[in-house]
Amino acid sequence: MPFVTTLTLQSGDRDVLERVARGIKRRAERKGVELRGPHAESPVDVSVPQAKRLDANGGLFGSWRYTVYERRMEVVGHDEFARNVASRERPEGVHLDVDVERVSTPGSG
């Protein structure tokens, strides 16, 4: 039974995120790895309150607002390639989440 590894990249810098996703796609193409994506998810706007002080009586500054961009890719089989991608260093501010799922073929169980 093959594994499908879902790689989810997130960053507040869309250009850096695109560059990282393109690099993974190019490496997959060179190695003959079946890669689906990158799929662009809708950006998420985040708002984080900022306290003026650590205690509860300090009041608040205006909220810090930023956008998080996301690209998702699926690696079918090729566990070593997925492991290599996950262990590589990425630019600061790019977060990688890895999810591995065993896929059964029809009639195998």
PDB file of N, CA and C in Angstrom:
ATOM      1  N   MET A   1       0.838  -1.173   0.000  1.00  0.00           N
ATOM      2  CA  MET A   1       0.000   0.000   0.000  1.00  0.00           C
ATOM      3  C   MET A   1       0.885   1.239   0.000  1.00  0.00           C
ATOM      4  N   PRO A   2       0.648   2.133  -0.947  1.00  0.00           N
ATOM      5  CA  PRO A   2       1.471   3.343  -0.998  1.00  0.00           C
ATOM      6  C   PRO A   2       1.044   4.355   0.065  1.00  0.00           C
ATOM      7  N   PHE A   3       1.938   5.274   0.301  1.00  0.00           N
ATOM      8  CA  PHE A   3       1.652   6.377   1.204  1.00  0.00           C
ATOM      9  C   PHE A   3       1.497   7.648   0.392  1.00  0.00           C
ATOM     10  N   VAL A   4       0.623   8.534   0.837  1.00  0.00           N
ATOM     11  CA  VAL A   4       0.507   9.868   0.263  1.00  0.00           C
ATOM     12  C   VAL A   4       0.931  10.833   1.359  1.00  0.00           C
ATOM     13  N   THR A   5       1.953  11.616   1.057  1.00  0.00           N
ATOM     14  CA  THR A   5       2.456  12.597   2.001  1.00  0.00           C
ATOM     15  C   THR A   5       1.970  13.968   1.569  1.00  0.00           C
ATOM     16  N   THR A   6       1.203  14.626   2.420  1.00  0.00           N
ATOM     17  CA  THR A   6       0.714  15.970   2.122  1.00  0.00           C
ATOM     18  C   THR A   6       1.648  16.969   2.780  1.00  0.00           C
ATOM     19  N   LEU A   7       2.197  17.852   1.958  1.00  0.00           N
ATOM     20  CA  LEU A   7       3.085  18.908   2.429  1.00  0.00           C
ATOM     21  C   LEU A   7       2.305  20.212   2.391  1.00  0.00           C
ATOM     22  N   THR A   8       2.167  20.868   3.510  1.00  0.00           N
ATOM     23  CA  THR A   8       1.457  22.139   3.577  1.00  0.00           C
ATOM     24  C   THR A   8       2.453  23.215   3.997  1.00  0.00           C
ATOM     25  N   LEU A   9       2.698  24.151   3.092  1.00  0.00           N
ATOM     26  CA  LEU A   9       3.609  25.256   3.349  1.00  0.00           C
ATOM     27  C   LEU A   9       2.798  26.504   3.666  1.00  0.00           C
ATOM     28  N   GLN A  10       3.207  27.252   4.688  1.00  0.00           N
ATOM     29  CA  GLN A  10       2.529  28.491   5.060  1.00  0.00           C
ATOM     30  C   GLN A  10       3.572  29.574   5.295  1.00  0.00           C
ATOM     31  N   SER A  11       3.218  30.808   4.902  1.00  0.00           N
ATOM     32  CA  SER A  11       4.103  31.939   5.133  1.00  0.00           C
ATOM     33  C   SER A  11       3.326  33.233   4.996  1.00  0.00           C
ATOM     34  N   GLY A  12       3.831  34.258   5.605  1.00  0.00           N
ATOM     35  CA  GLY A  12       3.275  35.591   5.436  1.00  0.00           C
ATOM     36  C   GLY A  12       3.870  36.295   4.233  1.00  0.00           C
ATOM     37  N   ASP A  13       4.875  35.711   3.612  1.00  0.00           N
ATOM     38  CA  ASP A  13       5.535  36.282   2.440  1.00  0.00           C
ATOM     39  C   ASP A  13       5.216  35.413   1.219  1.00  0.00           C
ATOM     40  N   ARG A  14       4.301  35.894   0.398  1.00  0.00           N
ATOM     41  CA  ARG A  14       3.832  35.095  -0.734  1.00  0.00           C
ATOM     42  C   ARG A  14       4.950  34.774  -1.724  1.00  0.00           C
ATOM     43  N   ASP A  15       5.841  35.730  -1.999  1.00  0.00           N
ATOM     44  CA  ASP A  15       6.915  35.497  -2.968  1.00  0.00           C
ATOM     45  C   ASP A  15       7.863  34.394  -2.508  1.00  0.00           C
ATOM     46  N   VAL A  16       8.247  34.420  -1.246  1.00  0.00           N
ATOM     47  CA  VAL A  16       9.134  33.377  -0.718  1.00  0.00           C
ATOM     48  C   VAL A  16       8.424  32.028  -0.746  1.00  0.00           C
ATOM     49  N   LEU A  17       7.153  32.017  -0.381  1.00  0.00           N
ATOM     50  CA  LEU A  17       6.371  30.781  -0.401  1.00  0.00           C
ATOM     51  C   LEU A  17       6.318  30.194  -1.807  1.00  0.00           C
ATOM     52  N   GLU A  18       6.068  31.028  -2.805  1.00  0.00           N
ATOM     53  CA  GLU A  18       6.024  30.559  -4.198  1.00  0.00           C
ATOM     54  C   GLU A  18       7.377  30.000  -4.626  1.00  0.00           C
ATOM     55  N   ARG A  19       8.442  30.668  -4.233  1.00  0.00           N
ATOM     56  CA  ARG A  19       9.784  30.213  -4.606  1.00  0.00           C
ATOM     57  C   ARG A  19      10.079  28.837  -4.002  1.00  0.00           C
ATOM     58  N   VAL A  20       9.723  28.632  -2.736  1.00  0.00           N
ATOM     59  CA  VAL A  20       9.944  27.339  -2.080  1.00  0.00           C
ATOM     60  C   VAL A  20       9.103  26.249  -2.757  1.00  0.00           C
ATOM     61  N   ALA A  21       7.833  26.546  -3.032  1.00  0.00           N
ATOM     62  CA  ALA A  21       6.945  25.560  -3.675  1.00  0.00           C
ATOM     63  C   ALA A  21       7.451  25.198  -5.070  1.00  0.00           C
ATOM     64  N   ARG A  22       7.901  26.197  -5.846  1.00  0.00           N
ATOM     65  CA  ARG A  22       8.446  25.920  -7.185  1.00  0.00           C
ATOM     66  C   ARG A  22       9.694  25.048  -7.101  1.00  0.00           C
ATOM     67  N   GLY A  23      10.540  25.306  -6.091  1.00  0.00           N
ATOM     68  CA  GLY A  23      11.749  24.501  -5.918  1.00  0.00           C
ATOM     69  C   GLY A  23      11.426  23.042  -5.642  1.00  0.00           C
ATOM     70  N   ILE A  24      10.444  22.793  -4.800  1.00  0.00           N
ATOM     71  CA  ILE A  24      10.031  21.414  -4.507  1.00  0.00           C
ATOM     72  C   ILE A  24       9.484  20.760  -5.767  1.00  0.00           C
ATOM     73  N   LYS A  25       8.676  21.492  -6.513  1.00  0.00           N
ATOM     74  CA  LYS A  25       8.086  20.944  -7.751  1.00  0.00           C
ATOM     75  C   LYS A  25       9.182  20.603  -8.766  1.00  0.00           C
ATOM     76  N   ARG A  26      10.170  21.469  -8.926  1.00  0.00           N
ATOM     77  CA  ARG A  26      11.271  21.202  -9.864  1.00  0.00           C
ATOM     78  C   ARG A  26      12.062  19.961  -9.453  1.00  0.00           C
ATOM     79  N   ARG A  27      12.356  19.838  -8.147  1.00  0.00           N
ATOM     80  CA  ARG A  27      13.086  18.645  -7.679  1.00  0.00           C
ATOM     81  C   ARG A  27      12.285  17.378  -7.942  1.00  0.00           C
ATOM     82  N   ALA A  28      10.972  17.429  -7.719  1.00  0.00           N
ATOM     83  CA  ALA A  28      10.116  16.267  -7.957  1.00  0.00           C
ATOM     84  C   ALA A  28      10.133  15.891  -9.440  1.00  0.00           C
ATOM     85  N   GLU A  29      10.051  16.880 -10.320  1.00  0.00           N
ATOM     86  CA  GLU A  29      10.064  16.607 -11.763  1.00  0.00           C
ATOM     87  C   GLU A  29      11.380  15.969 -12.187  1.00  0.00           C
ATOM     88  N   ARG A  30      12.502  16.491 -11.660  1.00  0.00           N
ATOM     89  CA  ARG A  30      13.818  15.934 -12.012  1.00  0.00           C
ATOM     90  C   ARG A  30      13.962  14.489 -11.553  1.00  0.00           C
ATOM     91  N   LYS A  31      13.372  14.141 -10.419  1.00  0.00           N
ATOM     92  CA  LYS A  31      13.512  12.795  -9.859  1.00  0.00           C
ATOM     93  C   LYS A  31      12.403  11.842 -10.299  1.00  0.00           C
ATOM     94  N   GLY A  32      11.435  12.332 -11.075  1.00  0.00           N
ATOM     95  CA  GLY A  32      10.348  11.480 -11.539  1.00  0.00           C
ATOM     96  C   GLY A  32       9.345  11.137 -10.451  1.00  0.00           C
ATOM     97  N   VAL A  33       9.194  12.025  -9.476  1.00  0.00           N
ATOM     98  CA  VAL A  33       8.284  11.810  -8.351  1.00  0.00           C
ATOM     99  C   VAL A  33       6.893  12.309  -8.727  1.00  0.00           C
ATOM    100  N   GLU A  34       5.870  11.500  -8.410  1.00  0.00           N
ATOM    101  CA  GLU A  34       4.499  11.942  -8.642  1.00  0.00           C
ATOM    102  C   GLU A  34       4.127  12.966  -7.578  1.00  0.00           C
ATOM    103  N   LEU A  35       3.948  14.217  -8.014  1.00  0.00           N
ATOM    104  CA  LEU A  35       3.622  15.307  -7.110  1.00  0.00           C
ATOM    105  C   LEU A  35       2.384  16.014  -7.637  1.00  0.00           C
ATOM    106  N   ARG A  36       1.389  16.134  -6.791  1.00  0.00           N
ATOM    107  CA  ARG A  36       0.167  16.871  -7.152  1.00  0.00           C
ATOM    108  C   ARG A  36       0.254  18.233  -6.489  1.00  0.00           C
ATOM    109  N   GLY A  37       0.115  19.267  -7.284  1.00  0.00           N
ATOM    110  CA  GLY A  37       0.160  20.615  -6.737  1.00  0.00           C
ATOM    111  C   GLY A  37       1.360  21.365  -7.272  1.00  0.00           C
ATOM    112  N   PRO A  38       1.672  22.491  -6.720  1.00  0.00           N
ATOM    113  CA  PRO A  38       1.121  23.083  -5.511  1.00  0.00           C
ATOM    114  C   PRO A  38      -0.264  23.682  -5.732  1.00  0.00           C
ATOM    115  N   HIS A  39      -1.120  23.457  -4.763  1.00  0.00           N
ATOM    116  CA  HIS A  39      -2.477  24.004  -4.762  1.00  0.00           C
ATOM    117  C   HIS A  39      -2.475  25.228  -3.852  1.00  0.00           C
ATOM    118  N   ALA A  40      -2.995  26.340  -4.365  1.00  0.00           N
ATOM    119  CA  ALA A  40      -3.068  27.559  -3.555  1.00  0.00           C
ATOM    120  C   ALA A  40      -4.387  27.577  -2.788  1.00  0.00           C
ATOM    121  N   GLU A  41      -4.278  27.712  -1.491  1.00  0.00           N
ATOM    122  CA  GLU A  41      -5.466  27.864  -0.653  1.00  0.00           C
ATOM    123  C   GLU A  41      -5.757  29.352  -0.530  1.00  0.00           C
ATOM    124  N   SER A  42      -6.969  29.704  -0.154  1.00  0.00           N
ATOM    125  CA  SER A  42      -7.322  31.107   0.038  1.00  0.00           C
ATOM    126  C   SER A  42      -6.496  31.690   1.182  1.00  0.00           C
ATOM    127  N   PRO A  43      -5.951  32.904   0.987  1.00  0.00           N
ATOM    128  CA  PRO A  43      -5.191  33.535   2.070  1.00  0.00           C
ATOM    129  C   PRO A  43      -6.084  33.781   3.285  1.00  0.00           C
ATOM    130  N   VAL A  44      -5.483  33.737   4.457  1.00  0.00           N
ATOM    131  CA  VAL A  44      -6.206  33.960   5.705  1.00  0.00           C
ATOM    132  C   VAL A  44      -5.657  35.229   6.348  1.00  0.00           C
ATOM    133  N   ASP A  45      -6.537  36.167   6.655  1.00  0.00           N
ATOM    134  CA  ASP A  45      -6.138  37.375   7.368  1.00  0.00           C
ATOM    135  C   ASP A  45      -6.226  37.113   8.859  1.00  0.00           C
ATOM    136  N   VAL A  46      -5.138  37.428   9.560  1.00  0.00           N
ATOM    137  CA  VAL A  46      -5.042  37.167  10.990  1.00  0.00           C
ATOM    138  C   VAL A  46      -4.900  38.496  11.728  1.00  0.00           C
ATOM    139  N   SER A  47      -5.543  38.592  12.869  1.00  0.00           N
ATOM    140  CA  SER A  47      -5.452  39.771  13.713  1.00  0.00           C
ATOM    141  C   SER A  47      -5.068  39.318  15.120  1.00  0.00           C
ATOM    142  N   VAL A  48      -3.973  39.887  15.642  1.00  0.00           N
ATOM    143  CA  VAL A  48      -3.469  39.483  16.950  1.00  0.00           C
ATOM    144  C   VAL A  48      -3.443  40.705  17.864  1.00  0.00           C
ATOM    145  N   PRO A  49      -4.127  40.644  19.009  1.00  0.00           N
ATOM    146  CA  PRO A  49      -4.090  41.779  19.940  1.00  0.00           C
ATOM    147  C   PRO A  49      -2.694  41.925  20.548  1.00  0.00           C
ATOM    148  N   GLN A  50      -2.296  43.168  20.844  1.00  0.00           N
ATOM    149  CA  GLN A  50      -0.988  43.430  21.439  1.00  0.00           C
ATOM    150  C   GLN A  50      -1.159  44.182  22.757  1.00  0.00           C
ATOM    151  N   ALA A  51      -0.735  43.575  23.822  1.00  0.00           N
ATOM    152  CA  ALA A  51      -0.836  44.197  25.143  1.00  0.00           C
ATOM    153  C   ALA A  51       0.303  45.195  25.337  1.00  0.00           C
ATOM    154  N   LYS A  52      -0.005  46.311  26.009  1.00  0.00           N
ATOM    155  CA  LYS A  52       1.021  47.301  26.323  1.00  0.00           C
ATOM    156  C   LYS A  52       1.918  46.824  27.458  1.00  0.00           C
ATOM    157  N   ARG A  53       1.355  46.020  28.352  1.00  0.00           N
ATOM    158  CA  ARG A  53       2.099  45.487  29.485  1.00  0.00           C
ATOM    159  C   ARG A  53       1.728  44.026  29.687  1.00  0.00           C
ATOM    160  N   LEU A  54       2.502  43.337  30.503  1.00  0.00           N
ATOM    161  CA  LEU A  54       2.230  41.927  30.760  1.00  0.00           C
ATOM    162  C   LEU A  54       1.064  41.720  31.712  1.00  0.00           C
ATOM    163  N   ASP A  55       0.807  42.693  32.578  1.00  0.00           N
ATOM    164  CA  ASP A  55      -0.325  42.523  33.497  1.00  0.00           C
ATOM    165  C   ASP A  55      -1.628  42.926  32.798  1.00  0.00           C
ATOM    166  N   ALA A  56      -2.725  42.597  33.396  1.00  0.00           N
ATOM    167  CA  ALA A  56      -4.038  42.820  32.780  1.00  0.00           C
ATOM    168  C   ALA A  56      -4.444  44.289  32.729  1.00  0.00           C
ATOM    169  N   ASN A  57      -3.757  45.157  33.466  1.00  0.00           N
ATOM    170  CA  ASN A  57      -4.155  46.562  33.557  1.00  0.00           C
ATOM    171  C   ASN A  57      -3.407  47.461  32.580  1.00  0.00           C
ATOM    172  N   GLY A  58      -2.649  46.909  31.694  1.00  0.00           N
ATOM    173  CA  GLY A  58      -1.795  47.720  30.829  1.00  0.00           C
ATOM    174  C   GLY A  58      -2.460  48.283  29.593  1.00  0.00           C
ATOM    175  N   GLY A  59      -3.634  47.812  29.240  1.00  0.00           N
ATOM    176  CA  GLY A  59      -4.281  48.279  28.021  1.00  0.00           C
ATOM    177  C   GLY A  59      -3.730  47.571  26.791  1.00  0.00           C
ATOM    178  N   LEU A  60      -4.224  47.983  25.630  1.00  0.00           N
ATOM    179  CA  LEU A  60      -3.836  47.332  24.379  1.00  0.00           C
ATOM    180  C   LEU A  60      -3.377  48.345  23.342  1.00  0.00           C
ATOM    181  N   PHE A  61      -2.418  47.946  22.540  1.00  0.00           N
ATOM    182  CA  PHE A  61      -2.085  48.669  21.317  1.00  0.00           C
ATOM    183  C   PHE A  61      -3.076  48.213  20.261  1.00  0.00           C
ATOM    184  N   GLY A  62      -3.014  48.803  19.085  1.00  0.00           N
ATOM    185  CA  GLY A  62      -3.826  48.309  17.970  1.00  0.00           C
ATOM    186  C   GLY A  62      -3.410  46.891  17.615  1.00  0.00           C
ATOM    187  N   SER A  63      -4.315  46.122  17.080  1.00  0.00           N
ATOM    188  CA  SER A  63      -4.016  44.734  16.724  1.00  0.00           C
ATOM    189  C   SER A  63      -2.994  44.671  15.593  1.00  0.00           C
ATOM    190  N   TRP A  64      -2.182  43.630  15.648  1.00  0.00           N
ATOM    191  CA  TRP A  64      -1.221  43.351  14.592  1.00  0.00           C
ATOM    192  C   TRP A  64      -1.965  42.523  13.552  1.00  0.00           C
ATOM    193  N   ARG A  65      -1.995  42.991  12.319  1.00  0.00           N
ATOM    194  CA  ARG A  65      -2.715  42.299  11.247  1.00  0.00           C
ATOM    195  C   ARG A  65      -1.727  41.826  10.178  1.00  0.00           C
ATOM    196  N   TYR A  66      -1.934  40.595   9.734  1.00  0.00           N
ATOM    197  CA  TYR A  66      -1.100  40.059   8.665  1.00  0.00           C
ATOM    198  C   TYR A  66      -1.872  38.978   7.915  1.00  0.00           C
ATOM    199  N   THR A  67      -1.352  38.603   6.761  1.00  0.00           N
ATOM    200  CA  THR A  67      -1.987  37.593   5.914  1.00  0.00           C
ATOM    201  C   THR A  67      -1.090  36.362   5.857  1.00  0.00           C
ATOM    202  N   VAL A  68      -1.703  35.181   5.952  1.00  0.00           N
ATOM    203  CA  VAL A  68      -0.975  33.919   5.841  1.00  0.00           C
ATOM    204  C   VAL A  68      -1.378  33.266   4.517  1.00  0.00           C
ATOM    205  N   TYR A  69      -0.363  32.924   3.718  1.00  0.00           N
ATOM    206  CA  TYR A  69      -0.575  32.263   2.427  1.00  0.00           C
ATOM    207  C   TYR A  69      -0.220  30.792   2.587  1.00  0.00           C
ATOM    208  N   GLU A  70      -0.883  29.937   1.807  1.00  0.00           N
ATOM    209  CA  GLU A  70      -0.681  28.501   1.962  1.00  0.00           C
ATOM    210  C   GLU A  70      -0.622  27.817   0.604  1.00  0.00           C
ATOM    211  N   ARG A  71       0.293  26.861   0.477  1.00  0.00           N
ATOM    212  CA  ARG A  71       0.395  25.994  -0.698  1.00  0.00           C
ATOM    213  C   ARG A  71       0.428  24.565  -0.197  1.00  0.00           C
ATOM    214  N   ARG A  72      -0.334  23.694  -0.876  1.00  0.00           N
ATOM    215  CA  ARG A  72      -0.431  22.288  -0.474  1.00  0.00           C
ATOM    216  C   ARG A  72      -0.010  21.411  -1.644  1.00  0.00           C
ATOM    217  N   MET A  73       0.763  20.366  -1.354  1.00  0.00           N
ATOM    218  CA  MET A  73       1.220  19.406  -2.370  1.00  0.00           C
ATOM    219  C   MET A  73       1.094  18.002  -1.823  1.00  0.00           C
ATOM    220  N   GLU A  74       0.822  17.049  -2.705  1.00  0.00           N
ATOM    221  CA  GLU A  74       0.763  15.649  -2.299  1.00  0.00           C
ATOM    222  C   GLU A  74       1.838  14.869  -3.048  1.00  0.00           C
ATOM    223  N   VAL A  75       2.635  14.129  -2.297  1.00  0.00           N
ATOM    224  CA  VAL A  75       3.648  13.249  -2.858  1.00  0.00           C
ATOM    225  C   VAL A  75       3.093  11.838  -2.757  1.00  0.00           C
ATOM    226  N   VAL A  76       2.951  11.168  -3.914  1.00  0.00           N
ATOM    227  CA  VAL A  76       2.400   9.815  -3.936  1.00  0.00           C
ATOM    228  C   VAL A  76       3.559   8.825  -3.966  1.00  0.00           C
ATOM    229  N   GLY A  77       3.609   7.970  -2.936  1.00  0.00           N
ATOM    230  CA  GLY A  77       4.748   7.053  -2.821  1.00  0.00           C
ATOM    231  C   GLY A  77       5.994   7.875  -2.525  1.00  0.00           C
ATOM    232  N   HIS A  78       7.127   7.461  -3.008  1.00  0.00           N
ATOM    233  CA  HIS A  78       8.374   8.234  -2.918  1.00  0.00           C
ATOM    234  C   HIS A  78       8.595   8.800  -1.514  1.00  0.00           C
ATOM    235  N   ASP A  79       8.550   7.912  -0.540  1.00  0.00           N
ATOM    236  CA  ASP A  79       8.694   8.321   0.860  1.00  0.00           C
ATOM    237  C   ASP A  79      10.026   9.022   1.118  1.00  0.00           C
ATOM    238  N   GLU A  80      11.082   8.559   0.463  1.00  0.00           N
ATOM    239  CA  GLU A  80      12.411   9.158   0.669  1.00  0.00           C
ATOM    240  C   GLU A  80      12.436  10.611   0.191  1.00  0.00           C
ATOM    241  N   PHE A  81      11.798  10.890  -0.940  1.00  0.00           N
ATOM    242  CA  PHE A  81      11.725  12.270  -1.438  1.00  0.00           C
ATOM    243  C   PHE A  81      10.980  13.145  -0.439  1.00  0.00           C
ATOM    244  N   ALA A  82       9.840  12.676   0.054  1.00  0.00           N
ATOM    245  CA  ALA A  82       9.049  13.444   1.020  1.00  0.00           C
ATOM    246  C   ALA A  82       9.852  13.682   2.295  1.00  0.00           C
ATOM    247  N   ARG A  83      10.574  12.673   2.751  1.00  0.00           N
ATOM    248  CA  ARG A  83      11.402  12.810   3.954  1.00  0.00           C
ATOM    249  C   ARG A  83      12.497  13.850   3.731  1.00  0.00           C
ATOM    250  N   ASN A  84      13.090  13.829   2.530  1.00  0.00           N
ATOM    251  CA  ASN A  84      14.140  14.789   2.196  1.00  0.00           C
ATOM    252  C   ASN A  84      13.602  16.215   2.189  1.00  0.00           C
ATOM    253  N   VAL A  85      12.428  16.420   1.599  1.00  0.00           N
ATOM    254  CA  VAL A  85      11.814  17.754   1.566  1.00  0.00           C
ATOM    255  C   VAL A  85      11.543  18.235   2.988  1.00  0.00           C
ATOM    256  N   ALA A  86      11.016  17.353   3.818  1.00  0.00           N
ATOM    257  CA  ALA A  86      10.671  17.733   5.188  1.00  0.00           C
ATOM    258  C   ALA A  86      11.903  18.086   6.019  1.00  0.00           C
ATOM    259  N   SER A  87      13.043  17.463   5.739  1.00  0.00           N
ATOM    260  CA  SER A  87      14.231  17.692   6.555  1.00  0.00           C
ATOM    261  C   SER A  87      15.092  18.857   6.068  1.00  0.00           C
ATOM    262  N   ARG A  88      14.816  19.374   4.877  1.00  0.00           N
ATOM    263  CA  ARG A  88      15.604  20.495   4.350  1.00  0.00           C
ATOM    264  C   ARG A  88      15.302  21.785   5.094  1.00  0.00           C
ATOM    265  N   GLU A  89      16.304  22.641   5.145  1.00  0.00           N
ATOM    266  CA  GLU A  89      16.081  23.964   5.735  1.00  0.00           C
ATOM    267  C   GLU A  89      15.250  24.799   4.784  1.00  0.00           C
ATOM    268  N   ARG A  90      14.398  25.605   5.363  1.00  0.00           N
ATOM    269  CA  ARG A  90      13.557  26.520   4.594  1.00  0.00           C
ATOM    270  C   ARG A  90      13.865  27.934   5.026  1.00  0.00           C
ATOM    271  N   PRO A  91      13.525  28.905   4.197  1.00  0.00           N
ATOM    272  CA  PRO A  91      13.727  30.293   4.611  1.00  0.00           C
ATOM    273  C   PRO A  91      12.944  30.591   5.884  1.00  0.00           C
ATOM    274  N   GLU A  92      13.468  31.512   6.667  1.00  0.00           N
ATOM    275  CA  GLU A  92      12.786  31.918   7.889  1.00  0.00           C
ATOM    276  C   GLU A  92      11.392  32.436   7.534  1.00  0.00           C
ATOM    277  N   GLY A  93      10.418  32.050   8.321  1.00  0.00           N
ATOM    278  CA  GLY A  93       9.052  32.505   8.076  1.00  0.00           C
ATOM    279  C   GLY A  93       8.230  31.555   7.222  1.00  0.00           C
ATOM    280  N   VAL A  94       8.836  30.462   6.746  1.00  0.00           N
ATOM    281  CA  VAL A  94       8.084  29.459   5.983  1.00  0.00           C
ATOM    282  C   VAL A  94       7.906  28.242   6.885  1.00  0.00           C
ATOM    283  N   HIS A  95       6.659  27.901   7.153  1.00  0.00           N
ATOM    284  CA  HIS A  95       6.331  26.773   8.027  1.00  0.00           C
ATOM    285  C   HIS A  95       5.884  25.592   7.171  1.00  0.00           C
ATOM    286  N   LEU A  96       6.351  24.403   7.507  1.00  0.00           N
ATOM    287  CA  LEU A  96       5.970  23.183   6.787  1.00  0.00           C
ATOM    288  C   LEU A  96       5.267  22.240   7.739  1.00  0.00           C
ATOM    289  N   ASP A  97       4.096  21.765   7.326  1.00  0.00           N
ATOM    290  CA  ASP A  97       3.357  20.747   8.064  1.00  0.00           C
ATOM    291  C   ASP A  97       3.310  19.513   7.179  1.00  0.00           C
ATOM    292  N   VAL A  98       3.591  18.347   7.737  1.00  0.00           N
ATOM    293  CA  VAL A  98       3.633  17.101   6.971  1.00  0.00           C
ATOM    294  C   VAL A  98       2.589  16.150   7.522  1.00  0.00           C
ATOM    295  N   ASP A  99       1.779  15.576   6.625  1.00  0.00           N
ATOM    296  CA  ASP A  99       0.768  14.601   7.010  1.00  0.00           C
ATOM    297  C   ASP A  99       0.934  13.381   6.109  1.00  0.00           C
ATOM    298  N   VAL A 100       1.092  12.206   6.708  1.00  0.00           N
ATOM    299  CA  VAL A 100       1.284  10.968   5.943  1.00  0.00           C
ATOM    300  C   VAL A 100       0.051  10.105   6.099  1.00  0.00           C
ATOM    301  N   GLU A 101      -0.447   9.627   4.969  1.00  0.00           N
ATOM    302  CA  GLU A 101      -1.648   8.788   4.970  1.00  0.00           C
ATOM    303  C   GLU A 101      -1.390   7.536   4.138  1.00  0.00           C
ATOM    304  N   ARG A 102      -1.753   6.398   4.689  1.00  0.00           N
ATOM    305  CA  ARG A 102      -1.648   5.137   3.947  1.00  0.00           C
ATOM    306  C   ARG A 102      -2.890   4.996   3.086  1.00  0.00           C
ATOM    307  N   VAL A 103      -2.683   4.753   1.806  1.00  0.00           N
ATOM    308  CA  VAL A 103      -3.800   4.633   0.871  1.00  0.00           C
ATOM    309  C   VAL A 103      -3.911   3.173   0.438  1.00  0.00           C
ATOM    310  N   SER A 104      -5.098   2.627   0.641  1.00  0.00           N
ATOM    311  CA  SER A 104      -5.298   1.240   0.219  1.00  0.00           C
ATOM    312  C   SER A 104      -5.929   1.234  -1.166  1.00  0.00           C
ATOM    313  N   THR A 105      -5.532   0.241  -1.944  1.00  0.00           N
ATOM    314  CA  THR A 105      -6.100   0.109  -3.268  1.00  0.00           C
ATOM    315  C   THR A 105      -7.376  -0.699  -3.182  1.00  0.00           C
ATOM    316  N   PRO A 106      -8.343  -0.483  -4.075  1.00  0.00           N
ATOM    317  CA  PRO A 106      -9.583  -1.244  -4.028  1.00  0.00           C
ATOM    318  C   PRO A 106      -9.325  -2.746  -4.101  1.00  0.00           C
ATOM    319  N   GLY A 107      -9.993  -3.481  -3.236  1.00  0.00           N
ATOM    320  CA  GLY A 107      -9.881  -4.931  -3.220  1.00  0.00           C
ATOM    321  C   GLY A 107      -8.702  -5.449  -2.425  1.00  0.00           C
ATOM    322  N   SER A 108      -7.955  -4.581  -1.751  1.00  0.00           N
ATOM    323  CA  SER A 108      -6.780  -5.046  -1.020  1.00  0.00           C
ATOM    324  C   SER A 108      -7.071  -5.348   0.449  1.00  0.00           C
ATOM    325  N   GLY A 109      -8.290  -5.093   0.887  1.00  0.00           N
ATOM    326  CA  GLY A 109      -8.467  -5.350   2.298  1.00  0.00           C
ATOM    327  C   GLY A 109      -9.869  -5.494   2.644  1.00  0.00           C
TER     328      GLY A 109
END
